[in-house]
PDB file of N, CA and C in Angstrom:
ATOM      1  N   UNK A   1      53.452 -14.820  25.820  1.00  0.00           N
ATOM      2  CA  UNK A   1      52.132 -14.242  25.957  1.00  0.00           C
ATOM      3  C   UNK A   1      51.193 -14.750  24.866  1.00  0.00           C
ATOM      4  N   UNK A   2      51.723 -14.859  23.625  1.00  0.00           N
ATOM      5  CA  UNK A   2      50.904 -15.345  22.521  1.00  0.00           C
ATOM      6  C   UNK A   2      50.434 -16.774  22.782  1.00  0.00           C
ATOM      7  N   UNK A   3      51.313 -17.593  23.372  1.00  0.00           N
ATOM      8  CA  UNK A   3      50.953 -18.983  23.670  1.00  0.00           C
ATOM      9  C   UNK A   3      49.825 -19.045  24.695  1.00  0.00           C
ATOM     10  N   UNK A   4      49.859 -18.171  25.680  1.00  0.00           N
ATOM     11  CA  UNK A   4      48.812 -18.142  26.709  1.00  0.00           C
ATOM     12  C   UNK A   4      47.475 -17.759  26.087  1.00  0.00           C
ATOM     13  N   UNK A   5      47.482 -16.733  25.254  1.00  0.00           N
ATOM     14  CA  UNK A   5      46.248 -16.285  24.594  1.00  0.00           C
ATOM     15  C   UNK A   5      45.724 -17.380  23.678  1.00  0.00           C
ATOM     16  N   UNK A   6      46.613 -17.998  22.904  1.00  0.00           N
ATOM     17  CA  UNK A   6      46.208 -19.068  21.998  1.00  0.00           C
ATOM     18  C   UNK A   6      45.654 -20.257  22.776  1.00  0.00           C
ATOM     19  N   UNK A   7      46.304 -20.618  23.873  1.00  0.00           N
ATOM     20  CA  UNK A   7      45.823 -21.723  24.709  1.00  0.00           C
ATOM     21  C   UNK A   7      44.450 -21.422  25.295  1.00  0.00           C
ATOM     22  N   UNK A   8      44.268 -20.204  25.772  1.00  0.00           N
ATOM     23  CA  UNK A   8      42.973 -19.808  26.331  1.00  0.00           C
ATOM     24  C   UNK A   8      41.892 -19.862  25.261  1.00  0.00           C
ATOM     25  N   UNK A   9      42.208 -19.372  24.066  1.00  0.00           N
ATOM     26  CA  UNK A   9      41.245 -19.403  22.963  1.00  0.00           C
ATOM     27  C   UNK A   9      40.878 -20.842  22.607  1.00  0.00           C
ATOM     28  N   UNK A  10      41.875 -21.708  22.551  1.00  0.00           N
ATOM     29  CA  UNK A  10      41.646 -23.113  22.225  1.00  0.00           C
ATOM     30  C   UNK A  10      40.755 -23.782  23.266  1.00  0.00           C
ATOM     31  N   UNK A  11      41.021 -23.535  24.542  1.00  0.00           N
ATOM     32  CA  UNK A  11      40.187 -24.104  25.607  1.00  0.00           C
ATOM     33  C   UNK A  11      38.757 -23.593  25.532  1.00  0.00           C
ATOM     34  N   UNK A  12      38.593 -22.305  25.298  1.00  0.00           N
ATOM     35  CA  UNK A  12      37.243 -21.742  25.168  1.00  0.00           C
ATOM     36  C   UNK A  12      36.505 -22.362  23.995  1.00  0.00           C
ATOM     37  N   UNK A  13      37.199 -22.589  22.890  1.00  0.00           N
ATOM     38  CA  UNK A  13      36.570 -23.204  21.719  1.00  0.00           C
ATOM     39  C   UNK A  13      36.118 -24.620  22.021  1.00  0.00           C
ATOM     40  N   UNK A  14      36.949 -25.377  22.712  1.00  0.00           N
ATOM     41  CA  UNK A  14      36.603 -26.759  23.062  1.00  0.00           C
ATOM     42  C   UNK A  14      35.393 -26.784  23.976  1.00  0.00           C
ATOM     43  N   UNK A  15      35.406 -25.970  25.040  1.00  0.00           N
ATOM     44  CA  UNK A  15      34.283 -25.959  25.976  1.00  0.00           C
ATOM     45  C   UNK A  15      33.005 -25.447  25.319  1.00  0.00           C
ATOM     46  N   UNK A  16      33.134 -24.475  24.416  1.00  0.00           N
ATOM     47  CA  UNK A  16      31.953 -23.961  23.715  1.00  0.00           C
ATOM     48  C   UNK A  16      31.346 -25.039  22.835  1.00  0.00           C
ATOM     49  N   UNK A  17      32.186 -25.788  22.136  1.00  0.00           N
ATOM     50  CA  UNK A  17      31.679 -26.867  21.285  1.00  0.00           C
ATOM     51  C   UNK A  17      31.005 -27.948  22.107  1.00  0.00           C
ATOM     52  N   UNK A  18      31.554 -28.278  23.268  1.00  0.00           N
ATOM     53  CA  UNK A  18      30.928 -29.275  24.136  1.00  0.00           C
ATOM     54  C   UNK A  18      29.588 -28.776  24.652  1.00  0.00           C
ATOM     55  N   UNK A  19      29.523 -27.519  25.018  1.00  0.00           N
ATOM     56  CA  UNK A  19      28.269 -26.952  25.523  1.00  0.00           C
ATOM     57  C   UNK A  19      27.207 -26.932  24.437  1.00  0.00           C
ATOM     58  N   UNK A  20      27.621 -26.645  23.204  1.00  0.00           N
ATOM     59  CA  UNK A  20      26.660 -26.641  22.105  1.00  0.00           C
ATOM     60  C   UNK A  20      26.185 -28.046  21.778  1.00  0.00           C
ATOM     61  N   UNK A  21      27.045 -29.040  21.930  1.00  0.00           N
ATOM     62  CA  UNK A  21      26.670 -30.415  21.604  1.00  0.00           C
ATOM     63  C   UNK A  21      25.777 -31.027  22.673  1.00  0.00           C
ATOM     64  N   UNK A  22      25.860 -30.540  23.885  1.00  0.00           N
ATOM     65  CA  UNK A  22      25.138 -31.144  25.005  1.00  0.00           C
ATOM     66  C   UNK A  22      23.639 -31.295  24.782  1.00  0.00           C
ATOM     67  N   UNK A  23      22.906 -30.253  24.327  1.00  0.00           N
ATOM     68  CA  UNK A  23      21.467 -30.422  24.166  1.00  0.00           C
ATOM     69  C   UNK A  23      21.087 -31.533  23.196  1.00  0.00           C
ATOM     70  N   UNK A  24      21.918 -31.779  22.177  1.00  0.00           N
ATOM     71  CA  UNK A  24      21.616 -32.826  21.214  1.00  0.00           C
ATOM     72  C   UNK A  24      21.769 -34.213  21.823  1.00  0.00           C
ATOM     73  N   UNK A  25      22.647 -34.356  22.800  1.00  0.00           N
ATOM     74  CA  UNK A  25      22.911 -35.675  23.360  1.00  0.00           C
ATOM     75  C   UNK A  25      21.942 -36.048  24.473  1.00  0.00           C
ATOM     76  N   UNK A  26      21.240 -35.074  25.018  1.00  0.00           N
ATOM     77  CA  UNK A  26      20.335 -35.384  26.111  1.00  0.00           C
ATOM     78  C   UNK A  26      18.955 -35.753  25.574  1.00  0.00           C
ATOM     79  N   UNK A  27      18.288 -36.617  26.315  1.00  0.00           N
ATOM     80  CA  UNK A  27      16.940 -37.046  25.972  1.00  0.00           C
ATOM     81  C   UNK A  27      16.012 -36.434  27.005  1.00  0.00           C
ATOM     82  N   UNK A  28      15.057 -35.653  26.544  1.00  0.00           N
ATOM     83  CA  UNK A  28      14.114 -34.996  27.444  1.00  0.00           C
ATOM     84  C   UNK A  28      12.743 -35.612  27.218  1.00  0.00           C
ATOM     85  N   UNK A  29      12.141 -36.100  28.294  1.00  0.00           N
ATOM     86  CA  UNK A  29      10.832 -36.741  28.197  1.00  0.00           C
ATOM     87  C   UNK A  29       9.838 -36.043  29.111  1.00  0.00           C
ATOM     88  N   UNK A  30       8.712 -35.672  28.530  1.00  0.00           N
ATOM     89  CA  UNK A  30       7.581 -35.091  29.247  1.00  0.00           C
ATOM     90  C   UNK A  30       6.678 -36.249  29.655  1.00  0.00           C
ATOM     91  N   UNK A  31       6.469 -36.438  30.946  1.00  0.00           N
ATOM     92  CA  UNK A  31       5.668 -37.573  31.429  1.00  0.00           C
ATOM     93  C   UNK A  31       4.238 -37.166  31.785  1.00  0.00           C
ATOM     94  N   UNK A  32       3.824 -35.966  31.379  1.00  0.00           N
ATOM     95  CA  UNK A  32       2.459 -35.510  31.660  1.00  0.00           C
ATOM     96  C   UNK A  32       1.468 -36.197  30.720  1.00  0.00           C
ATOM     97  N   UNK A  33       0.200 -35.897  30.889  1.00  0.00           N
ATOM     98  CA  UNK A  33      -0.835 -36.464  30.021  1.00  0.00           C
ATOM     99  C   UNK A  33      -0.733 -35.859  28.624  1.00  0.00           C
ATOM    100  N   UNK A  34      -1.397 -36.501  27.674  1.00  0.00           N
ATOM    101  CA  UNK A  34      -1.368 -35.993  26.302  1.00  0.00           C
ATOM    102  C   UNK A  34      -1.979 -34.596  26.203  1.00  0.00           C
ATOM    103  N   UNK A  35      -3.064 -34.352  26.926  1.00  0.00           N
ATOM    104  CA  UNK A  35      -3.683 -33.021  26.862  1.00  0.00           C
ATOM    105  C   UNK A  35      -2.748 -31.950  27.431  1.00  0.00           C
ATOM    106  N   UNK A  36      -2.005 -32.280  28.477  1.00  0.00           N
ATOM    107  CA  UNK A  36      -1.021 -31.328  29.018  1.00  0.00           C
ATOM    108  C   UNK A  36       0.086 -31.080  27.990  1.00  0.00           C
ATOM    109  N   UNK A  37       0.561 -32.151  27.357  1.00  0.00           N
ATOM    110  CA  UNK A  37       1.594 -32.063  26.326  1.00  0.00           C
ATOM    111  C   UNK A  37       1.144 -31.144  25.190  1.00  0.00           C
ATOM    112  N   UNK A  38      -0.090 -31.339  24.729  1.00  0.00           N
ATOM    113  CA  UNK A  38      -0.607 -30.530  23.625  1.00  0.00           C
ATOM    114  C   UNK A  38      -0.764 -29.063  24.007  1.00  0.00           C
ATOM    115  N   UNK A  39      -0.912 -28.783  25.289  1.00  0.00           N
ATOM    116  CA  UNK A  39      -1.023 -27.410  25.768  1.00  0.00           C
ATOM    117  C   UNK A  39       0.301 -26.667  25.788  1.00  0.00           C
ATOM    118  N   UNK A  40       1.397 -27.371  25.630  1.00  0.00           N
ATOM    119  CA  UNK A  40       2.726 -26.769  25.613  1.00  0.00           C
ATOM    120  C   UNK A  40       3.740 -27.701  26.237  1.00  0.00           C
ATOM    121  N   UNK A  41       4.917 -27.775  25.629  1.00  0.00           N
ATOM    122  CA  UNK A  41       5.978 -28.655  26.122  1.00  0.00           C
ATOM    123  C   UNK A  41       7.339 -28.052  25.786  1.00  0.00           C
ATOM    124  N   UNK A  42       8.372 -28.598  26.391  1.00  0.00           N
ATOM    125  CA  UNK A  42       9.723 -28.104  26.133  1.00  0.00           C
ATOM    126  C   UNK A  42      10.149 -28.451  24.714  1.00  0.00           C
ATOM    127  N   UNK A  43      10.748 -27.485  24.045  1.00  0.00           N
ATOM    128  CA  UNK A  43      11.239 -27.703  22.691  1.00  0.00           C
ATOM    129  C   UNK A  43      12.256 -28.841  22.704  1.00  0.00           C
ATOM    130  N   UNK A  44      12.104 -29.785  21.795  1.00  0.00           N
ATOM    131  CA  UNK A  44      13.019 -30.914  21.696  1.00  0.00           C
ATOM    132  C   UNK A  44      12.646 -32.097  22.566  1.00  0.00           C
ATOM    133  N   UNK A  45      11.607 -31.945  23.373  1.00  0.00           N
ATOM    134  CA  UNK A  45      11.182 -33.038  24.258  1.00  0.00           C
ATOM    135  C   UNK A  45      10.334 -34.047  23.493  1.00  0.00           C
ATOM    136  N   UNK A  46      10.296 -35.250  24.022  1.00  0.00           N
ATOM    137  CA  UNK A  46       9.402 -36.298  23.539  1.00  0.00           C
ATOM    138  C   UNK A  46       8.353 -36.529  24.608  1.00  0.00           C
ATOM    139  N   UNK A  47       7.249 -37.139  24.221  1.00  0.00           N
ATOM    140  CA  UNK A  47       6.169 -37.374  25.176  1.00  0.00           C
ATOM    141  C   UNK A  47       5.968 -38.866  25.415  1.00  0.00           C
ATOM    142  N   UNK A  48       6.100 -39.268  26.661  1.00  0.00           N
ATOM    143  CA  UNK A  48       5.690 -40.598  27.116  1.00  0.00           C
ATOM    144  C   UNK A  48       5.025 -40.373  28.467  1.00  0.00           C
ATOM    145  N   UNK A  49       3.718 -40.556  28.516  1.00  0.00           N
ATOM    146  CA  UNK A  49       2.985 -40.334  29.764  1.00  0.00           C
ATOM    147  C   UNK A  49       3.484 -41.287  30.844  1.00  0.00           C
ATOM    148  N   UNK A  50       3.423 -40.844  32.081  1.00  0.00           N
ATOM    149  CA  UNK A  50       3.844 -41.674  33.210  1.00  0.00           C
ATOM    150  C   UNK A  50       3.190 -43.045  33.155  1.00  0.00           C
ATOM    151  N   UNK A  51       1.908 -43.099  32.811  1.00  0.00           N
ATOM    152  CA  UNK A  51       1.178 -44.368  32.777  1.00  0.00           C
ATOM    153  C   UNK A  51       1.696 -45.321  31.701  1.00  0.00           C
ATOM    154  N   UNK A  52       2.482 -44.818  30.737  1.00  0.00           N
ATOM    155  CA  UNK A  52       2.986 -45.638  29.632  1.00  0.00           C
ATOM    156  C   UNK A  52       4.497 -45.833  29.654  1.00  0.00           C
ATOM    157  N   UNK A  53       5.183 -45.164  30.567  1.00  0.00           N
ATOM    158  CA  UNK A  53       6.648 -45.130  30.492  1.00  0.00           C
ATOM    159  C   UNK A  53       7.287 -46.511  30.621  1.00  0.00           C
ATOM    160  N   UNK A  54       6.760 -47.338  31.486  1.00  0.00           N
ATOM    161  CA  UNK A  54       7.351 -48.665  31.695  1.00  0.00           C
ATOM    162  C   UNK A  54       7.261 -49.517  30.431  1.00  0.00           C
ATOM    163  N   UNK A  55       6.170 -49.385  29.692  1.00  0.00           N
ATOM    164  CA  UNK A  55       5.974 -50.193  28.491  1.00  0.00           C
ATOM    165  C   UNK A  55       6.656 -49.627  27.253  1.00  0.00           C
ATOM    166  N   UNK A  56       6.925 -48.339  27.211  1.00  0.00           N
ATOM    167  CA  UNK A  56       7.437 -47.710  25.989  1.00  0.00           C
ATOM    168  C   UNK A  56       8.911 -47.330  26.018  1.00  0.00           C
ATOM    169  N   UNK A  57       9.516 -47.226  27.184  1.00  0.00           N
ATOM    170  CA  UNK A  57      10.870 -46.676  27.259  1.00  0.00           C
ATOM    171  C   UNK A  57      11.912 -47.545  26.559  1.00  0.00           C
ATOM    172  N   UNK A  58      11.801 -48.864  26.640  1.00  0.00           N
ATOM    173  CA  UNK A  58      12.831 -49.723  26.034  1.00  0.00           C
ATOM    174  C   UNK A  58      12.856 -49.611  24.518  1.00  0.00           C
ATOM    175  N   UNK A  59      11.706 -49.365  23.908  1.00  0.00           N
ATOM    176  CA  UNK A  59      11.664 -49.151  22.462  1.00  0.00           C
ATOM    177  C   UNK A  59      12.167 -47.749  22.139  1.00  0.00           C
ATOM    178  N   UNK A  60      11.764 -46.782  22.938  1.00  0.00           N
ATOM    179  CA  UNK A  60      12.155 -45.393  22.723  1.00  0.00           C
ATOM    180  C   UNK A  60      13.654 -45.196  22.940  1.00  0.00           C
ATOM    181  N   UNK A  61      14.191 -45.732  24.035  1.00  0.00           N
ATOM    182  CA  UNK A  61      15.623 -45.595  24.349  1.00  0.00           C
ATOM    183  C   UNK A  61      16.139 -46.879  24.977  1.00  0.00           C
ATOM    184  N   UNK A  62      16.682 -47.781  24.149  1.00  0.00           N
ATOM    185  CA  UNK A  62      17.185 -49.053  24.687  1.00  0.00           C
ATOM    186  C   UNK A  62      18.488 -48.925  25.482  1.00  0.00           C
ATOM    187  N   UNK A  63      19.250 -47.852  25.257  1.00  0.00           N
ATOM    188  CA  UNK A  63      20.521 -47.653  25.959  1.00  0.00           C
ATOM    189  C   UNK A  63      20.248 -47.228  27.403  1.00  0.00           C
ATOM    190  N   UNK A  64      20.508 -48.118  28.335  1.00  0.00           N
ATOM    191  CA  UNK A  64      20.209 -47.840  29.739  1.00  0.00           C
ATOM    192  C   UNK A  64      21.206 -46.880  30.387  1.00  0.00           C
ATOM    193  N   UNK A  65      22.263 -46.505  29.668  1.00  0.00           N
ATOM    194  CA  UNK A  65      23.225 -45.531  30.179  1.00  0.00           C
ATOM    195  C   UNK A  65      23.003 -44.131  29.593  1.00  0.00           C
ATOM    196  N   UNK A  66      22.023 -43.985  28.725  1.00  0.00           N
ATOM    197  CA  UNK A  66      21.739 -42.684  28.104  1.00  0.00           C
ATOM    198  C   UNK A  66      21.272 -41.683  29.156  1.00  0.00           C
ATOM    199  N   UNK A  67      21.618 -40.414  28.944  1.00  0.00           N
ATOM    200  CA  UNK A  67      21.140 -39.368  29.846  1.00  0.00           C
ATOM    201  C   UNK A  67      19.680 -39.075  29.512  1.00  0.00           C
ATOM    202  N   UNK A  68      18.811 -39.339  30.461  1.00  0.00           N
ATOM    203  CA  UNK A  68      17.380 -39.111  30.285  1.00  0.00           C
ATOM    204  C   UNK A  68      16.931 -38.092  31.319  1.00  0.00           C
ATOM    205  N   UNK A  69      16.339 -37.015  30.827  1.00  0.00           N
ATOM    206  CA  UNK A  69      15.849 -35.945  31.694  1.00  0.00           C
ATOM    207  C   UNK A  69      14.326 -35.957  31.643  1.00  0.00           C
ATOM    208  N   UNK A  70      13.704 -36.069  32.802  1.00  0.00           N
ATOM    209  CA  UNK A  70      12.252 -36.178  32.899  1.00  0.00           C
ATOM    210  C   UNK A  70      11.655 -34.928  33.523  1.00  0.00           C
ATOM    211  N   UNK A  71      10.485 -34.525  33.019  1.00  0.00           N
ATOM    212  CA  UNK A  71       9.771 -33.416  33.654  1.00  0.00           C
ATOM    213  C   UNK A  71       8.270 -33.646  33.554  1.00  0.00           C
ATOM    214  N   UNK A  72       7.534 -32.906  34.373  1.00  0.00           N
ATOM    215  CA  UNK A  72       6.068 -32.951  34.366  1.00  0.00           C
ATOM    216  C   UNK A  72       5.565 -31.546  34.679  1.00  0.00           C
ATOM    217  N   UNK A  73       4.502 -31.419  35.435  1.00  0.00           N
ATOM    218  CA  UNK A  73       3.994 -30.091  35.801  1.00  0.00           C
ATOM    219  C   UNK A  73       4.718 -29.555  37.028  1.00  0.00           C
ATOM    220  N   UNK A  74       4.919 -30.435  38.016  1.00  0.00           N
ATOM    221  CA  UNK A  74       5.489 -29.969  39.289  1.00  0.00           C
ATOM    222  C   UNK A  74       6.759 -30.707  39.714  1.00  0.00           C
ATOM    223  N   UNK A  75       7.045 -31.840  39.102  1.00  0.00           N
ATOM    224  CA  UNK A  75       8.182 -32.667  39.502  1.00  0.00           C
ATOM    225  C   UNK A  75       7.770 -33.957  40.181  1.00  0.00           C
ATOM    226  N   UNK A  76       6.506 -34.082  40.560  1.00  0.00           N
ATOM    227  CA  UNK A  76       6.025 -35.274  41.252  1.00  0.00           C
ATOM    228  C   UNK A  76       5.994 -36.498  40.324  1.00  0.00           C
ATOM    229  N   UNK A  77       5.316 -36.383  39.196  1.00  0.00           N
ATOM    230  CA  UNK A  77       5.226 -37.517  38.269  1.00  0.00           C
ATOM    231  C   UNK A  77       6.580 -37.859  37.664  1.00  0.00           C
ATOM    232  N   UNK A  78       7.389 -36.845  37.387  1.00  0.00           N
ATOM    233  CA  UNK A  78       8.717 -37.127  36.840  1.00  0.00           C
ATOM    234  C   UNK A  78       9.589 -37.838  37.877  1.00  0.00           C
ATOM    235  N   UNK A  79       9.364 -37.570  39.154  1.00  0.00           N
ATOM    236  CA  UNK A  79      10.058 -38.307  40.216  1.00  0.00           C
ATOM    237  C   UNK A  79       9.649 -39.768  40.236  1.00  0.00           C
ATOM    238  N   UNK A  80       8.359 -40.021  40.049  1.00  0.00           N
ATOM    239  CA  UNK A  80       7.871 -41.404  39.984  1.00  0.00           C
ATOM    240  C   UNK A  80       8.432 -42.112  38.753  1.00  0.00           C
ATOM    241  N   UNK A  81       8.468 -41.406  37.617  1.00  0.00           N
ATOM    242  CA  UNK A  81       9.017 -41.986  36.392  1.00  0.00           C
ATOM    243  C   UNK A  81      10.501 -42.307  36.562  1.00  0.00           C
ATOM    244  N   UNK A  82      11.229 -41.444  37.239  1.00  0.00           N
ATOM    245  CA  UNK A  82      12.658 -41.674  37.505  1.00  0.00           C
ATOM    246  C   UNK A  82      12.844 -42.970  38.281  1.00  0.00           C
ATOM    247  N   UNK A  83      12.038 -43.178  39.305  1.00  0.00           N
ATOM    248  CA  UNK A  83      12.119 -44.406  40.101  1.00  0.00           C
ATOM    249  C   UNK A  83      11.828 -45.630  39.240  1.00  0.00           C
ATOM    250  N   UNK A  84      10.818 -45.543  38.387  1.00  0.00           N
ATOM    251  CA  UNK A  84      10.471 -46.656  37.497  1.00  0.00           C
ATOM    252  C   UNK A  84      11.648 -46.995  36.590  1.00  0.00           C
ATOM    253  N   UNK A  85      12.237 -45.978  35.963  1.00  0.00           N
ATOM    254  CA  UNK A  85      13.352 -46.222  35.044  1.00  0.00           C
ATOM    255  C   UNK A  85      14.573 -46.771  35.773  1.00  0.00           C
ATOM    256  N   UNK A  86      14.856 -46.257  36.944  1.00  0.00           N
ATOM    257  CA  UNK A  86      15.986 -46.785  37.722  1.00  0.00           C
ATOM    258  C   UNK A  86      15.734 -48.234  38.119  1.00  0.00           C
ATOM    259  N   UNK A  87      14.512 -48.567  38.477  1.00  0.00           N
ATOM    260  CA  UNK A  87      14.172 -49.954  38.805  1.00  0.00           C
ATOM    261  C   UNK A  87      14.326 -50.872  37.593  1.00  0.00           C
ATOM    262  N   UNK A  88      14.199 -50.309  36.391  1.00  0.00           N
ATOM    263  CA  UNK A  88      14.359 -51.073  35.151  1.00  0.00           C
ATOM    264  C   UNK A  88      15.826 -51.169  34.727  1.00  0.00           C
ATOM    265  N   UNK A  89      16.721 -50.484  35.443  1.00  0.00           N
ATOM    266  CA  UNK A  89      18.145 -50.567  35.139  1.00  0.00           C
ATOM    267  C   UNK A  89      18.742 -49.347  34.462  1.00  0.00           C
ATOM    268  N   UNK A  90      17.961 -48.309  34.242  1.00  0.00           N
ATOM    269  CA  UNK A  90      18.503 -47.081  33.653  1.00  0.00           C
ATOM    270  C   UNK A  90      19.351 -46.375  34.711  1.00  0.00           C
ATOM    271  N   UNK A  91      20.539 -45.927  34.297  1.00  0.00           N
ATOM    272  CA  UNK A  91      21.525 -45.450  35.268  1.00  0.00           C
ATOM    273  C   UNK A  91      21.758 -43.939  35.272  1.00  0.00           C
ATOM    274  N   UNK A  92      21.252 -43.230  34.285  1.00  0.00           N
ATOM    275  CA  UNK A  92      21.555 -41.802  34.163  1.00  0.00           C
ATOM    276  C   UNK A  92      20.267 -40.998  33.974  1.00  0.00           C
ATOM    277  N   UNK A  93      19.346 -41.167  34.906  1.00  0.00           N
ATOM    278  CA  UNK A  93      18.032 -40.530  34.826  1.00  0.00           C
ATOM    279  C   UNK A  93      17.985 -39.353  35.789  1.00  0.00           C
ATOM    280  N   UNK A  94      17.464 -38.235  35.303  1.00  0.00           N
ATOM    281  CA  UNK A  94      17.364 -37.034  36.138  1.00  0.00           C
ATOM    282  C   UNK A  94      15.929 -36.520  36.135  1.00  0.00           C
ATOM    283  N   UNK A  95      15.437 -36.170  37.300  1.00  0.00           N
ATOM    284  CA  UNK A  95      14.154 -35.491  37.430  1.00  0.00           C
ATOM    285  C   UNK A  95      14.460 -34.000  37.400  1.00  0.00           C
ATOM    286  N   UNK A  96      14.068 -33.329  36.320  1.00  0.00           N
ATOM    287  CA  UNK A  96      14.374 -31.900  36.211  1.00  0.00           C
ATOM    288  C   UNK A  96      13.189 -31.036  36.647  1.00  0.00           C
ATOM    289  N   UNK A  97      12.203 -31.669  37.283  1.00  0.00           N
ATOM    290  CA  UNK A  97      11.123 -30.929  37.925  1.00  0.00           C
ATOM    291  C   UNK A  97       9.963 -30.585  37.028  1.00  0.00           C
ATOM    292  N   UNK A  98       9.363 -29.446  37.319  1.00  0.00           N
ATOM    293  CA  UNK A  98       8.213 -28.973  36.563  1.00  0.00           C
ATOM    294  C   UNK A  98       8.620 -28.264  35.286  1.00  0.00           C
ATOM    295  N   UNK A  99       7.677 -28.151  34.369  1.00  0.00           N
ATOM    296  CA  UNK A  99       7.964 -27.576  33.052  1.00  0.00           C
ATOM    297  C   UNK A  99       8.514 -26.153  33.141  1.00  0.00           C
ATOM    298  N   UNK A 100       7.959 -25.326  33.986  1.00  0.00           N
ATOM    299  CA  UNK A 100       8.415 -23.927  34.082  1.00  0.00           C
ATOM    300  C   UNK A 100       9.825 -23.831  34.636  1.00  0.00           C
ATOM    301  N   UNK A 101      10.095 -24.560  35.703  1.00  0.00           N
ATOM    302  CA  UNK A 101      11.438 -24.506  36.294  1.00  0.00           C
ATOM    303  C   UNK A 101      12.470 -25.149  35.371  1.00  0.00           C
ATOM    304  N   UNK A 102      12.092 -26.219  34.678  1.00  0.00           N
ATOM    305  CA  UNK A 102      13.009 -26.872  33.738  1.00  0.00           C
ATOM    306  C   UNK A 102      13.312 -25.945  32.563  1.00  0.00           C
ATOM    307  N   UNK A 103      12.297 -25.252  32.077  1.00  0.00           N
ATOM    308  CA  UNK A 103      12.483 -24.301  30.980  1.00  0.00           C
ATOM    309  C   UNK A 103      13.488 -23.223  31.371  1.00  0.00           C
ATOM    310  N   UNK A 104      13.345 -22.693  32.563  1.00  0.00           N
ATOM    311  CA  UNK A 104      14.259 -21.646  33.046  1.00  0.00           C
ATOM    312  C   UNK A 104      15.656 -22.186  33.301  1.00  0.00           C
ATOM    313  N   UNK A 105      15.747 -23.318  33.981  1.00  0.00           N
ATOM    314  CA  UNK A 105      17.045 -23.867  34.371  1.00  0.00           C
ATOM    315  C   UNK A 105      17.899 -24.269  33.174  1.00  0.00           C
ATOM    316  N   UNK A 106      17.267 -24.788  32.127  1.00  0.00           N
ATOM    317  CA  UNK A 106      18.018 -25.283  30.977  1.00  0.00           C
ATOM    318  C   UNK A 106      17.890 -24.375  29.755  1.00  0.00           C
ATOM    319  N   UNK A 107      17.233 -23.227  29.946  1.00  0.00           N
ATOM    320  CA  UNK A 107      17.058 -22.253  28.866  1.00  0.00           C
ATOM    321  C   UNK A 107      16.455 -22.906  27.618  1.00  0.00           C
ATOM    322  N   UNK A 108      15.353 -23.622  27.820  1.00  0.00           N
ATOM    323  CA  UNK A 108      14.647 -24.294  26.731  1.00  0.00           C
ATOM    324  C   UNK A 108      13.261 -23.660  26.608  1.00  0.00           C
ATOM    325  N   UNK A 109      12.884 -23.332  25.389  1.00  0.00           N
ATOM    326  CA  UNK A 109      11.582 -22.708  25.150  1.00  0.00           C
ATOM    327  C   UNK A 109      10.441 -23.696  25.370  1.00  0.00           C
ATOM    328  N   UNK A 110       9.310 -23.167  25.804  1.00  0.00           N
ATOM    329  CA  UNK A 110       8.075 -23.942  25.853  1.00  0.00           C
ATOM    330  C   UNK A 110       7.332 -23.650  24.557  1.00  0.00           C
ATOM    331  N   UNK A 111       7.008 -24.706  23.809  1.00  0.00           N
ATOM    332  CA  UNK A 111       6.321 -24.549  22.526  1.00  0.00           C
ATOM    333  C   UNK A 111       4.995 -25.292  22.543  1.00  0.00           C
ATOM    334  N   UNK A 112       4.118 -24.940  21.611  1.00  0.00           N
ATOM    335  CA  UNK A 112       2.820 -25.623  21.460  1.00  0.00           C
ATOM    336  C   UNK A 112       2.757 -26.354  20.149  1.00  0.00           C
TER     337      UNK A 112
END
């Protein structure tokens, strides 16, 4: 019985550590305009407007296998940005939709 409890505790510790490390490993990019960004954005996000993403992404994140999560106001522009990055060879790009839904889904605060 002690071995079962110890094993369960060990597994929970491993999964908890992985869950805690996950936010640090993900790259979150807000593709809205600068004025939208200044009005509030997801904590930990970086800003690259959709109109600039093709020119700036390789300097910002040269690793084309990195997990990149994109959002905007509604999910439309982040969908376009996802297509651009995939066309450039990025393999792990996710459109996480609009800022409000992304904030709720990933439990990330919106900050100003």
